[in-house]
Amino acid sequence: MGLYKTITLRQNTKVLIWSIEESEEELQKGIVITDYCRERMGRMKSELHRRGFLSIRHLLKEAGYTTHQLYYDEQGKPHLTDGKFISITHSFGYCGIIISDIPVGIDIEKQREKIRLIAHKFVDYEFSYLTEDEIRRLTLVWCSKESLYKVFATPGLSFKDHTKIIPFDLEDSKTTGWVFYESRLSRYDLEFLEFDGFSCAWALHTN
């Protein structure tokens, strides 16, 4: 399918999502594959992982960037050479990026029953409102906290201890997230969507 969805948000922010249906050979066409990319792909045992990696490069192209304009710091956080902020995610057959003038994070996850088994590892305050549509809500909480983790980008941050997702209505597709870490208190706007059994959330720094 290729490009699945493009969402243009406020503050010069854009979300792009790719449906990974092409073969690895097909995905190598139409983009520049750097030596760094080849080295990274050479260490990936999963074909789906390699296809996701290549699909991200196609999303960059859709957003007007080349592979050379993306680089990673020592912590593995992605950056763009023009100074804009970027976050990257992939899960099974989908991948996505968010690009903005402000710090951002994004995550895509497949909605699966097994999330109930690990909920105690990342949910604390949020248990108070997870009373219906539990798998959908848990997946969105996870995506939201993963997005916060990516945008906050501080080693030692705990999903359970340092982040809170304010109660949300599934129909509203938005809420607020907070990070409480040491002496720092940060607020984020969170937006999300659901599609084809997947959840996606992104966080935008607001203060």
N, C-alpha and C. Protein backbone atom coordinates (compact mmCIF):
# COMPACT_ATOMS: atom_id res chain seq x y z
N MET A 1 0.82 -1.21 0.00
CA MET A 1 0.00 0.00 0.00
C MET A 1 0.85 1.26 0.00
N GLY A 2 1.99 1.24 0.73
CA GLY A 2 2.80 2.44 0.77
C GLY A 2 2.26 3.46 1.77
N LEU A 3 2.28 4.73 1.38
CA LEU A 3 1.82 5.79 2.27
C LEU A 3 0.36 5.56 2.64
N TYR A 4 0.12 5.38 3.93
CA TYR A 4 -1.22 5.06 4.43
C TYR A 4 -1.98 6.31 4.85
N LYS A 5 -1.30 7.22 5.53
CA LYS A 5 -1.98 8.40 6.03
C LYS A 5 -0.99 9.52 6.28
N THR A 6 -1.42 10.74 5.95
CA THR A 6 -0.67 11.95 6.28
C THR A 6 -1.58 12.87 7.07
N ILE A 7 -1.10 13.33 8.23
CA ILE A 7 -1.89 14.20 9.09
C ILE A 7 -1.07 15.46 9.34
N THR A 8 -1.62 16.61 8.96
CA THR A 8 -0.95 17.88 9.20
C THR A 8 -1.56 18.52 10.44
N LEU A 9 -0.71 18.79 11.42
CA LEU A 9 -1.15 19.33 12.69
C LEU A 9 -0.73 20.79 12.82
N ARG A 10 -1.01 21.35 13.97
CA ARG A 10 -0.60 22.73 14.25
C ARG A 10 0.92 22.80 14.41
N GLN A 11 1.41 24.02 14.49
CA GLN A 11 2.82 24.27 14.79
C GLN A 11 3.76 23.55 13.80
N ASN A 12 3.38 23.59 12.53
CA ASN A 12 4.23 23.00 11.49
C ASN A 12 4.61 21.56 11.82
N THR A 13 3.62 20.79 12.21
CA THR A 13 3.84 19.40 12.61
C THR A 13 3.10 18.46 11.66
N LYS A 14 3.79 17.40 11.23
CA LYS A 14 3.18 16.46 10.29
C LYS A 14 3.46 15.03 10.74
N VAL A 15 2.41 14.20 10.67
CA VAL A 15 2.52 12.76 10.94
C VAL A 15 2.33 12.01 9.63
N LEU A 16 3.22 11.05 9.35
CA LEU A 16 3.10 10.21 8.16
C LEU A 16 3.17 8.75 8.59
N ILE A 17 2.26 7.94 8.06
CA ILE A 17 2.20 6.52 8.40
C ILE A 17 2.27 5.69 7.12
N TRP A 18 3.05 4.62 7.18
CA TRP A 18 3.28 3.75 6.01
C TRP A 18 2.77 2.35 6.32
N SER A 19 2.04 1.77 5.38
CA SER A 19 1.60 0.38 5.48
C SER A 19 2.62 -0.49 4.74
N ILE A 20 3.31 -1.34 5.50
CA ILE A 20 4.45 -2.09 4.94
C ILE A 20 3.95 -3.35 4.24
N GLU A 21 3.67 -3.23 2.95
CA GLU A 21 3.19 -4.37 2.18
C GLU A 21 4.16 -4.76 1.07
N GLU A 22 5.12 -3.89 0.76
CA GLU A 22 6.07 -4.17 -0.31
C GLU A 22 7.15 -5.14 0.16
N SER A 23 7.78 -5.78 -0.78
CA SER A 23 8.90 -6.66 -0.46
C SER A 23 10.13 -5.82 -0.14
N GLU A 24 11.12 -6.46 0.45
CA GLU A 24 12.36 -5.76 0.75
C GLU A 24 13.00 -5.23 -0.53
N GLU A 25 12.96 -6.03 -1.59
CA GLU A 25 13.54 -5.60 -2.86
C GLU A 25 12.81 -4.37 -3.41
N GLU A 26 11.50 -4.38 -3.33
CA GLU A 26 10.74 -3.24 -3.84
C GLU A 26 11.03 -1.98 -3.03
N LEU A 27 11.19 -2.13 -1.72
CA LEU A 27 11.41 -0.98 -0.86
C LEU A 27 12.81 -0.37 -1.05
N GLN A 28 13.73 -1.10 -1.64
CA GLN A 28 15.06 -0.55 -1.87
C GLN A 28 15.10 0.36 -3.09
N LYS A 29 14.00 0.41 -3.83
CA LYS A 29 13.95 1.25 -5.03
C LYS A 29 13.41 2.65 -4.68
N GLY A 30 13.96 3.64 -5.34
CA GLY A 30 13.43 5.00 -5.20
C GLY A 30 13.98 5.78 -4.02
N ILE A 31 14.91 5.20 -3.26
CA ILE A 31 15.53 5.90 -2.14
C ILE A 31 17.03 5.67 -2.17
N VAL A 32 17.76 6.56 -1.52
CA VAL A 32 19.21 6.41 -1.39
C VAL A 32 19.49 5.59 -0.14
N ILE A 33 20.25 4.52 -0.31
CA ILE A 33 20.62 3.67 0.83
C ILE A 33 22.09 3.91 1.13
N THR A 34 22.36 4.57 2.24
CA THR A 34 23.73 4.93 2.61
C THR A 34 24.47 3.71 3.16
N ASP A 35 25.78 3.87 3.30
CA ASP A 35 26.59 2.80 3.91
C ASP A 35 26.12 2.53 5.33
N TYR A 36 25.75 3.59 6.05
CA TYR A 36 25.24 3.43 7.41
C TYR A 36 23.98 2.57 7.40
N CYS A 37 23.08 2.83 6.44
CA CYS A 37 21.85 2.04 6.34
C CYS A 37 22.16 0.57 6.06
N ARG A 38 23.09 0.32 5.15
CA ARG A 38 23.44 -1.06 4.82
C ARG A 38 24.03 -1.77 6.04
N GLU A 39 24.84 -1.05 6.80
CA GLU A 39 25.45 -1.64 8.00
C GLU A 39 24.37 -1.96 9.03
N ARG A 40 23.42 -1.03 9.22
CA ARG A 40 22.34 -1.26 10.17
C ARG A 40 21.48 -2.45 9.75
N MET A 41 21.13 -2.49 8.47
CA MET A 41 20.28 -3.56 7.96
C MET A 41 20.99 -4.91 8.03
N GLY A 42 22.31 -4.89 7.89
CA GLY A 42 23.07 -6.14 7.95
C GLY A 42 23.01 -6.81 9.31
N ARG A 43 22.66 -6.02 10.35
CA ARG A 43 22.56 -6.56 11.70
C ARG A 43 21.13 -6.93 12.08
N MET A 44 20.20 -6.73 11.15
CA MET A 44 18.80 -7.03 11.42
C MET A 44 18.46 -8.44 10.93
N LYS A 45 18.11 -9.33 11.84
CA LYS A 45 17.79 -10.70 11.47
C LYS A 45 16.38 -10.83 10.89
N SER A 46 15.50 -9.93 11.28
CA SER A 46 14.10 -9.99 10.85
C SER A 46 13.90 -9.25 9.53
N GLU A 47 13.31 -9.94 8.54
CA GLU A 47 12.99 -9.28 7.28
C GLU A 47 11.99 -8.15 7.50
N LEU A 48 11.01 -8.35 8.37
CA LEU A 48 10.02 -7.31 8.64
C LEU A 48 10.68 -6.07 9.23
N HIS A 49 11.69 -6.29 10.08
CA HIS A 49 12.42 -5.17 10.65
C HIS A 49 13.15 -4.40 9.56
N ARG A 50 13.77 -5.12 8.62
CA ARG A 50 14.47 -4.45 7.52
C ARG A 50 13.48 -3.69 6.64
N ARG A 51 12.33 -4.29 6.39
CA ARG A 51 11.31 -3.61 5.58
C ARG A 51 10.79 -2.36 6.29
N GLY A 52 10.65 -2.44 7.61
CA GLY A 52 10.25 -1.26 8.36
C GLY A 52 11.29 -0.17 8.29
N PHE A 53 12.55 -0.56 8.40
CA PHE A 53 13.67 0.38 8.32
C PHE A 53 13.65 1.10 6.97
N LEU A 54 13.46 0.35 5.89
CA LEU A 54 13.41 0.95 4.55
C LEU A 54 12.17 1.82 4.37
N SER A 55 11.05 1.39 4.95
CA SER A 55 9.82 2.17 4.83
C SER A 55 9.96 3.54 5.47
N ILE A 56 10.70 3.61 6.57
CA ILE A 56 10.95 4.90 7.21
C ILE A 56 11.65 5.84 6.24
N ARG A 57 12.58 5.31 5.44
CA ARG A 57 13.28 6.14 4.46
C ARG A 57 12.34 6.65 3.38
N HIS A 58 11.32 5.86 3.05
CA HIS A 58 10.31 6.33 2.09
C HIS A 58 9.45 7.42 2.72
N LEU A 59 9.16 7.30 4.02
CA LEU A 59 8.40 8.36 4.69
C LEU A 59 9.20 9.66 4.73
N LEU A 60 10.51 9.55 4.96
CA LEU A 60 11.36 10.74 4.91
C LEU A 60 11.27 11.41 3.55
N LYS A 61 11.31 10.60 2.50
CA LYS A 61 11.21 11.14 1.14
C LYS A 61 9.87 11.84 0.93
N GLU A 62 8.79 11.24 1.44
CA GLU A 62 7.47 11.86 1.34
C GLU A 62 7.43 13.20 2.06
N ALA A 63 8.22 13.32 3.13
CA ALA A 63 8.24 14.56 3.91
C ALA A 63 9.23 15.58 3.35
N GLY A 64 9.93 15.21 2.26
CA GLY A 64 10.84 16.14 1.62
C GLY A 64 12.28 16.04 2.08
N TYR A 65 12.65 14.92 2.70
CA TYR A 65 14.01 14.73 3.21
C TYR A 65 14.69 13.58 2.48
N THR A 66 16.02 13.60 2.51
CA THR A 66 16.79 12.48 2.00
C THR A 66 17.32 11.67 3.18
N THR A 67 17.77 10.47 2.90
CA THR A 67 18.33 9.62 3.95
C THR A 67 19.52 10.29 4.62
N HIS A 68 20.29 11.08 3.87
CA HIS A 68 21.47 11.74 4.41
C HIS A 68 21.12 12.79 5.46
N GLN A 69 19.89 13.25 5.46
CA GLN A 69 19.48 14.31 6.40
C GLN A 69 19.01 13.75 7.74
N LEU A 70 19.01 12.44 7.88
CA LEU A 70 18.65 11.81 9.15
C LEU A 70 19.91 11.25 9.80
N TYR A 71 20.08 11.54 11.10
CA TYR A 71 21.21 10.95 11.83
C TYR A 71 20.78 10.66 13.26
N TYR A 72 21.59 9.88 13.97
CA TYR A 72 21.25 9.45 15.32
C TYR A 72 22.36 9.88 16.29
N ASP A 73 21.97 10.25 17.51
CA ASP A 73 22.96 10.61 18.51
C ASP A 73 23.43 9.36 19.26
N GLU A 74 24.24 9.54 20.28
CA GLU A 74 24.83 8.41 21.00
C GLU A 74 23.78 7.57 21.72
N GLN A 75 22.64 8.18 22.06
CA GLN A 75 21.56 7.45 22.73
C GLN A 75 20.61 6.79 21.73
N GLY A 76 20.87 6.96 20.43
CA GLY A 76 20.02 6.37 19.41
C GLY A 76 18.82 7.22 19.04
N LYS A 77 18.78 8.46 19.52
CA LYS A 77 17.66 9.35 19.21
C LYS A 77 17.87 9.94 17.81
N PRO A 78 16.83 9.93 16.95
CA PRO A 78 16.99 10.46 15.60
C PRO A 78 16.92 12.00 15.56
N HIS A 79 17.65 12.56 14.60
CA HIS A 79 17.67 14.02 14.41
C HIS A 79 17.68 14.31 12.91
N LEU A 80 17.27 15.52 12.56
CA LEU A 80 17.34 15.99 11.19
C LEU A 80 18.35 17.11 11.09
N THR A 81 19.06 17.17 9.96
CA THR A 81 20.13 18.15 9.82
C THR A 81 19.63 19.58 9.74
N ASP A 82 18.35 19.82 9.44
CA ASP A 82 17.84 21.19 9.37
C ASP A 82 17.37 21.71 10.72
N GLY A 83 17.52 20.90 11.78
CA GLY A 83 17.16 21.36 13.11
C GLY A 83 15.74 21.05 13.53
N LYS A 84 14.91 20.55 12.60
CA LYS A 84 13.56 20.16 13.00
C LYS A 84 13.61 18.89 13.85
N PHE A 85 12.56 18.67 14.63
CA PHE A 85 12.49 17.50 15.50
C PHE A 85 11.79 16.36 14.77
N ILE A 86 12.28 15.13 15.00
CA ILE A 86 11.67 13.95 14.38
C ILE A 86 11.60 12.82 15.40
N SER A 87 10.56 12.02 15.29
CA SER A 87 10.45 10.78 16.06
C SER A 87 9.97 9.69 15.11
N ILE A 88 10.38 8.46 15.39
CA ILE A 88 10.17 7.33 14.48
C ILE A 88 9.59 6.15 15.23
N THR A 89 8.70 5.39 14.58
CA THR A 89 8.14 4.20 15.21
C THR A 89 7.79 3.16 14.15
N HIS A 90 7.82 1.89 14.52
CA HIS A 90 7.27 0.85 13.65
C HIS A 90 6.81 -0.33 14.49
N SER A 91 5.74 -0.97 14.03
CA SER A 91 5.16 -2.11 14.72
C SER A 91 4.50 -3.03 13.70
N PHE A 92 5.03 -4.23 13.57
CA PHE A 92 4.48 -5.21 12.63
C PHE A 92 4.40 -4.60 11.23
N GLY A 93 3.20 -4.43 10.69
CA GLY A 93 3.05 -3.98 9.31
C GLY A 93 2.88 -2.50 9.11
N TYR A 94 3.18 -1.69 10.13
CA TYR A 94 3.05 -0.23 9.99
C TYR A 94 4.28 0.46 10.58
N CYS A 95 4.59 1.61 10.02
CA CYS A 95 5.62 2.46 10.61
C CYS A 95 5.18 3.91 10.45
N GLY A 96 5.79 4.79 11.22
CA GLY A 96 5.38 6.19 11.16
C GLY A 96 6.48 7.12 11.61
N ILE A 97 6.36 8.37 11.20
CA ILE A 97 7.25 9.43 11.67
C ILE A 97 6.41 10.66 12.00
N ILE A 98 6.95 11.50 12.87
CA ILE A 98 6.38 12.81 13.14
C ILE A 98 7.52 13.81 13.05
N ILE A 99 7.29 14.92 12.36
CA ILE A 99 8.29 15.97 12.17
C ILE A 99 7.67 17.30 12.60
N SER A 100 8.43 18.09 13.35
CA SER A 100 7.86 19.33 13.89
C SER A 100 8.94 20.34 14.21
N ASP A 101 8.50 21.58 14.44
CA ASP A 101 9.40 22.63 14.92
C ASP A 101 9.61 22.54 16.42
N ILE A 102 8.80 21.74 17.10
CA ILE A 102 8.91 21.58 18.55
C ILE A 102 9.20 20.12 18.88
N PRO A 103 9.71 19.83 20.08
CA PRO A 103 10.00 18.44 20.44
C PRO A 103 8.76 17.56 20.38
N VAL A 104 8.90 16.36 19.78
CA VAL A 104 7.77 15.46 19.56
C VAL A 104 8.19 14.01 19.76
N GLY A 105 7.21 13.15 19.99
CA GLY A 105 7.44 11.71 20.06
C GLY A 105 6.24 10.99 19.48
N ILE A 106 6.44 9.80 18.92
CA ILE A 106 5.35 9.03 18.32
C ILE A 106 5.56 7.55 18.58
N ASP A 107 4.45 6.81 18.67
CA ASP A 107 4.54 5.36 18.83
C ASP A 107 3.32 4.70 18.20
N ILE A 108 3.54 3.56 17.56
CA ILE A 108 2.48 2.70 17.01
C ILE A 108 2.59 1.33 17.68
N GLU A 109 1.47 0.77 18.10
CA GLU A 109 1.46 -0.56 18.70
C GLU A 109 0.24 -1.33 18.21
N LYS A 110 0.42 -2.64 18.05
CA LYS A 110 -0.70 -3.51 17.72
C LYS A 110 -1.51 -3.79 18.98
N GLN A 111 -2.82 -3.75 18.85
CA GLN A 111 -3.71 -4.02 19.99
C GLN A 111 -3.76 -5.53 20.21
N ARG A 112 -3.21 -5.97 21.37
CA ARG A 112 -3.13 -7.40 21.64
C ARG A 112 -3.54 -7.69 23.08
N GLU A 113 -4.11 -8.87 23.27
CA GLU A 113 -4.57 -9.30 24.59
C GLU A 113 -3.43 -9.31 25.61
N LYS A 114 -2.22 -9.62 25.18
CA LYS A 114 -1.10 -9.78 26.09
C LYS A 114 -0.75 -8.50 26.84
N ILE A 115 -1.25 -7.35 26.39
CA ILE A 115 -0.92 -6.11 27.08
C ILE A 115 -1.46 -6.10 28.50
N ARG A 116 -2.52 -6.88 28.74
CA ARG A 116 -3.06 -6.98 30.10
C ARG A 116 -2.02 -7.58 31.05
N LEU A 117 -1.19 -8.48 30.55
CA LEU A 117 -0.23 -9.17 31.39
C LEU A 117 0.92 -8.29 31.84
N ILE A 118 1.19 -7.23 31.09
CA ILE A 118 2.30 -6.34 31.44
C ILE A 118 1.83 -4.98 31.94
N ALA A 119 0.52 -4.80 32.05
CA ALA A 119 -0.03 -3.49 32.43
C ALA A 119 0.57 -3.00 33.75
N HIS A 120 0.79 -3.91 34.69
CA HIS A 120 1.30 -3.50 36.01
C HIS A 120 2.69 -2.89 35.92
N LYS A 121 3.38 -3.10 34.82
CA LYS A 121 4.73 -2.57 34.67
C LYS A 121 4.76 -1.12 34.22
N PHE A 122 3.67 -0.65 33.59
CA PHE A 122 3.69 0.72 33.08
C PHE A 122 2.49 1.57 33.50
N VAL A 123 1.51 0.95 34.17
CA VAL A 123 0.30 1.68 34.58
C VAL A 123 0.27 1.83 36.09
N ASP A 124 -0.08 3.02 36.55
CA ASP A 124 -0.27 3.27 37.98
C ASP A 124 -1.55 4.09 38.14
N TYR A 125 -1.43 5.38 38.07
CA TYR A 125 -2.59 6.29 38.16
C TYR A 125 -3.68 5.92 37.16
N GLU A 126 -3.30 5.48 35.97
CA GLU A 126 -4.26 5.25 34.89
C GLU A 126 -5.23 4.10 35.17
N PHE A 127 -4.90 3.19 36.11
CA PHE A 127 -5.81 2.09 36.43
C PHE A 127 -7.18 2.62 36.88
N SER A 128 -7.22 3.85 37.38
CA SER A 128 -8.47 4.41 37.91
C SER A 128 -9.54 4.60 36.83
N TYR A 129 -9.13 4.70 35.56
CA TYR A 129 -10.14 4.91 34.52
C TYR A 129 -10.11 3.83 33.43
N LEU A 130 -9.36 2.77 33.63
CA LEU A 130 -9.32 1.69 32.64
C LEU A 130 -10.40 0.65 32.96
N THR A 131 -11.64 1.06 32.86
CA THR A 131 -12.76 0.21 33.27
C THR A 131 -13.53 -0.38 32.10
N GLU A 132 -13.30 0.11 30.90
CA GLU A 132 -13.98 -0.42 29.70
C GLU A 132 -13.05 -0.28 28.51
N ASP A 133 -13.33 -1.06 27.45
CA ASP A 133 -12.44 -1.08 26.28
C ASP A 133 -10.98 -1.18 26.74
N GLU A 134 -10.74 -2.16 27.64
CA GLU A 134 -9.46 -2.19 28.35
C GLU A 134 -8.26 -2.34 27.42
N ILE A 135 -8.33 -3.25 26.45
CA ILE A 135 -7.18 -3.46 25.58
C ILE A 135 -6.90 -2.21 24.75
N ARG A 136 -7.93 -1.59 24.22
CA ARG A 136 -7.74 -0.37 23.43
C ARG A 136 -7.14 0.73 24.29
N ARG A 137 -7.68 0.92 25.47
CA ARG A 137 -7.20 1.98 26.34
C ARG A 137 -5.78 1.70 26.84
N LEU A 138 -5.51 0.46 27.21
CA LEU A 138 -4.16 0.11 27.65
C LEU A 138 -3.14 0.35 26.54
N THR A 139 -3.51 0.00 25.32
CA THR A 139 -2.59 0.19 24.20
C THR A 139 -2.34 1.66 23.96
N LEU A 140 -3.38 2.48 24.08
CA LEU A 140 -3.20 3.92 23.90
C LEU A 140 -2.38 4.53 25.04
N VAL A 141 -2.57 4.02 26.26
CA VAL A 141 -1.75 4.49 27.37
C VAL A 141 -0.29 4.15 27.11
N TRP A 142 -0.04 2.91 26.66
CA TRP A 142 1.35 2.52 26.34
C TRP A 142 1.93 3.42 25.25
N CYS A 143 1.19 3.60 24.15
CA CYS A 143 1.67 4.45 23.05
C CYS A 143 1.96 5.86 23.54
N SER A 144 1.07 6.38 24.38
CA SER A 144 1.25 7.73 24.90
C SER A 144 2.49 7.83 25.76
N LYS A 145 2.71 6.84 26.63
CA LYS A 145 3.87 6.87 27.50
C LYS A 145 5.16 6.66 26.71
N GLU A 146 5.12 5.82 25.71
CA GLU A 146 6.29 5.63 24.84
C GLU A 146 6.61 6.93 24.11
N SER A 147 5.58 7.64 23.67
CA SER A 147 5.78 8.93 23.00
C SER A 147 6.40 9.94 23.95
N LEU A 148 5.92 9.96 25.19
CA LEU A 148 6.50 10.86 26.19
C LEU A 148 7.97 10.51 26.44
N TYR A 149 8.25 9.23 26.52
CA TYR A 149 9.62 8.77 26.75
C TYR A 149 10.54 9.25 25.62
N LYS A 150 10.06 9.16 24.39
CA LYS A 150 10.88 9.56 23.26
C LYS A 150 11.12 11.06 23.23
N VAL A 151 10.11 11.84 23.55
CA VAL A 151 10.28 13.29 23.48
C VAL A 151 11.04 13.83 24.69
N PHE A 152 10.86 13.21 25.87
CA PHE A 152 11.56 13.66 27.08
C PHE A 152 13.03 13.29 27.02
N ALA A 153 13.30 12.11 26.46
CA ALA A 153 14.67 11.68 26.13
C ALA A 153 15.64 11.83 27.28
N THR A 154 15.29 11.24 28.43
CA THR A 154 16.16 11.30 29.61
C THR A 154 16.35 9.90 30.17
N PRO A 155 17.59 9.40 30.24
CA PRO A 155 17.83 8.06 30.80
C PRO A 155 17.29 7.96 32.22
N GLY A 156 16.70 6.83 32.54
CA GLY A 156 16.17 6.61 33.88
C GLY A 156 14.70 6.92 34.04
N LEU A 157 14.07 7.46 33.00
CA LEU A 157 12.64 7.76 33.08
C LEU A 157 11.84 6.46 33.14
N SER A 158 10.92 6.37 34.10
CA SER A 158 10.07 5.20 34.27
C SER A 158 8.65 5.50 33.80
N PHE A 159 8.12 4.63 32.94
CA PHE A 159 6.74 4.80 32.50
C PHE A 159 5.79 4.86 33.69
N LYS A 160 5.97 3.93 34.61
CA LYS A 160 5.03 3.80 35.73
C LYS A 160 5.21 4.89 36.77
N ASP A 161 6.44 5.24 37.09
CA ASP A 161 6.71 6.16 38.19
C ASP A 161 6.76 7.62 37.81
N HIS A 162 7.08 7.91 36.56
CA HIS A 162 7.35 9.30 36.19
C HIS A 162 6.40 9.89 35.16
N THR A 163 5.46 9.11 34.65
CA THR A 163 4.53 9.64 33.65
C THR A 163 3.08 9.42 34.06
N LYS A 164 2.22 10.33 33.65
CA LYS A 164 0.79 10.21 33.91
C LYS A 164 0.02 10.62 32.66
N ILE A 165 -0.99 9.82 32.31
CA ILE A 165 -1.86 10.12 31.18
C ILE A 165 -3.23 10.49 31.74
N ILE A 166 -3.67 11.70 31.46
CA ILE A 166 -4.96 12.19 31.96
C ILE A 166 -6.09 11.39 31.30
N PRO A 167 -7.20 11.09 32.05
CA PRO A 167 -8.31 10.33 31.47
C PRO A 167 -8.78 10.90 30.13
N PHE A 168 -9.15 10.00 29.22
CA PHE A 168 -9.52 10.42 27.87
C PHE A 168 -10.72 9.63 27.38
N ASP A 169 -11.45 10.24 26.45
CA ASP A 169 -12.53 9.56 25.72
C ASP A 169 -11.96 9.07 24.40
N LEU A 170 -12.24 7.83 24.06
CA LEU A 170 -11.72 7.28 22.81
C LEU A 170 -12.18 8.11 21.61
N GLU A 171 -13.37 8.67 21.70
CA GLU A 171 -13.92 9.44 20.58
C GLU A 171 -13.22 10.78 20.41
N ASP A 172 -12.67 11.32 21.48
CA ASP A 172 -12.02 12.64 21.40
C ASP A 172 -10.66 12.58 20.74
N SER A 173 -9.99 11.44 20.86
CA SER A 173 -8.68 11.21 20.24
C SER A 173 -7.61 12.20 20.71
N LYS A 174 -7.73 12.65 21.95
CA LYS A 174 -6.69 13.53 22.49
C LYS A 174 -6.77 13.55 24.01
N THR A 175 -5.65 13.89 24.63
CA THR A 175 -5.60 14.04 26.08
C THR A 175 -4.32 14.80 26.42
N THR A 176 -3.95 14.76 27.69
CA THR A 176 -2.75 15.44 28.16
C THR A 176 -1.86 14.44 28.88
N GLY A 177 -0.57 14.59 28.72
CA GLY A 177 0.38 13.75 29.42
C GLY A 177 1.33 14.60 30.25
N TRP A 178 1.75 14.06 31.40
CA TRP A 178 2.68 14.76 32.28
C TRP A 178 3.89 13.87 32.56
N VAL A 179 5.04 14.50 32.64
CA VAL A 179 6.25 13.83 33.08
C VAL A 179 6.73 14.51 34.37
N PHE A 180 6.83 13.72 35.43
CA PHE A 180 7.36 14.19 36.71
C PHE A 180 8.69 13.47 36.93
N TYR A 181 9.79 14.18 36.73
CA TYR A 181 11.09 13.53 36.85
C TYR A 181 12.06 14.43 37.59
N GLU A 182 12.48 13.96 38.77
CA GLU A 182 13.36 14.73 39.63
C GLU A 182 12.76 16.12 39.84
N SER A 183 13.43 17.18 39.45
CA SER A 183 12.89 18.52 39.68
C SER A 183 12.16 19.07 38.46
N ARG A 184 11.97 18.23 37.45
CA ARG A 184 11.34 18.69 36.20
C ARG A 184 9.88 18.26 36.13
N LEU A 185 9.04 19.18 35.71
CA LEU A 185 7.63 18.92 35.48
C LEU A 185 7.30 19.41 34.08
N SER A 186 6.90 18.51 33.20
CA SER A 186 6.66 18.86 31.80
C SER A 186 5.28 18.39 31.36
N ARG A 187 4.59 19.24 30.64
CA ARG A 187 3.25 18.94 30.13
C ARG A 187 3.31 18.75 28.62
N TYR A 188 2.52 17.77 28.12
CA TYR A 188 2.50 17.47 26.69
C TYR A 188 1.07 17.30 26.20
N ASP A 189 0.81 17.80 25.01
CA ASP A 189 -0.44 17.48 24.33
C ASP A 189 -0.28 16.11 23.69
N LEU A 190 -1.27 15.25 23.87
CA LEU A 190 -1.27 13.92 23.28
C LEU A 190 -2.45 13.78 22.33
N GLU A 191 -2.19 13.24 21.16
CA GLU A 191 -3.25 12.95 20.20
C GLU A 191 -3.06 11.52 19.72
N PHE A 192 -4.16 10.89 19.30
CA PHE A 192 -4.04 9.50 18.90
C PHE A 192 -5.08 9.12 17.86
N LEU A 193 -4.84 7.99 17.21
CA LEU A 193 -5.81 7.41 16.29
C LEU A 193 -5.68 5.89 16.35
N GLU A 194 -6.71 5.20 15.90
CA GLU A 194 -6.74 3.74 15.84
C GLU A 194 -7.11 3.32 14.42
N PHE A 195 -6.45 2.25 13.94
CA PHE A 195 -6.72 1.78 12.59
C PHE A 195 -6.29 0.33 12.45
N ASP A 196 -7.10 -0.46 11.83
CA ASP A 196 -6.73 -1.83 11.45
C ASP A 196 -6.16 -2.63 12.64
N GLY A 197 -6.72 -2.42 13.84
CA GLY A 197 -6.23 -3.14 15.01
C GLY A 197 -4.95 -2.60 15.61
N PHE A 198 -4.57 -1.40 15.23
CA PHE A 198 -3.38 -0.74 15.76
C PHE A 198 -3.77 0.57 16.46
N SER A 199 -2.92 1.00 17.36
CA SER A 199 -3.06 2.29 18.02
C SER A 199 -1.82 3.12 17.73
N CYS A 200 -2.02 4.43 17.60
CA CYS A 200 -0.91 5.35 17.36
C CYS A 200 -1.14 6.59 18.21
N ALA A 201 -0.11 7.05 18.88
CA ALA A 201 -0.20 8.28 19.67
C ALA A 201 1.06 9.11 19.46
N TRP A 202 0.89 10.42 19.54
CA TRP A 202 2.05 11.30 19.45
C TRP A 202 1.95 12.39 20.52
N ALA A 203 3.11 12.82 20.99
CA ALA A 203 3.20 13.81 22.06
C ALA A 203 3.91 15.05 21.54
N LEU A 204 3.37 16.22 21.92
CA LEU A 204 3.96 17.50 21.54
C LEU A 204 4.24 18.29 22.80
N HIS A 205 5.46 18.76 22.94
CA HIS A 205 5.87 19.50 24.13
C HIS A 205 5.18 20.87 24.15
N THR A 206 4.53 21.19 25.27
CA THR A 206 3.79 22.45 25.34
C THR A 206 4.33 23.43 26.35
N ASN A 207 5.29 23.01 27.19
CA ASN A 207 5.87 23.97 28.15
C ASN A 207 7.30 23.57 28.53
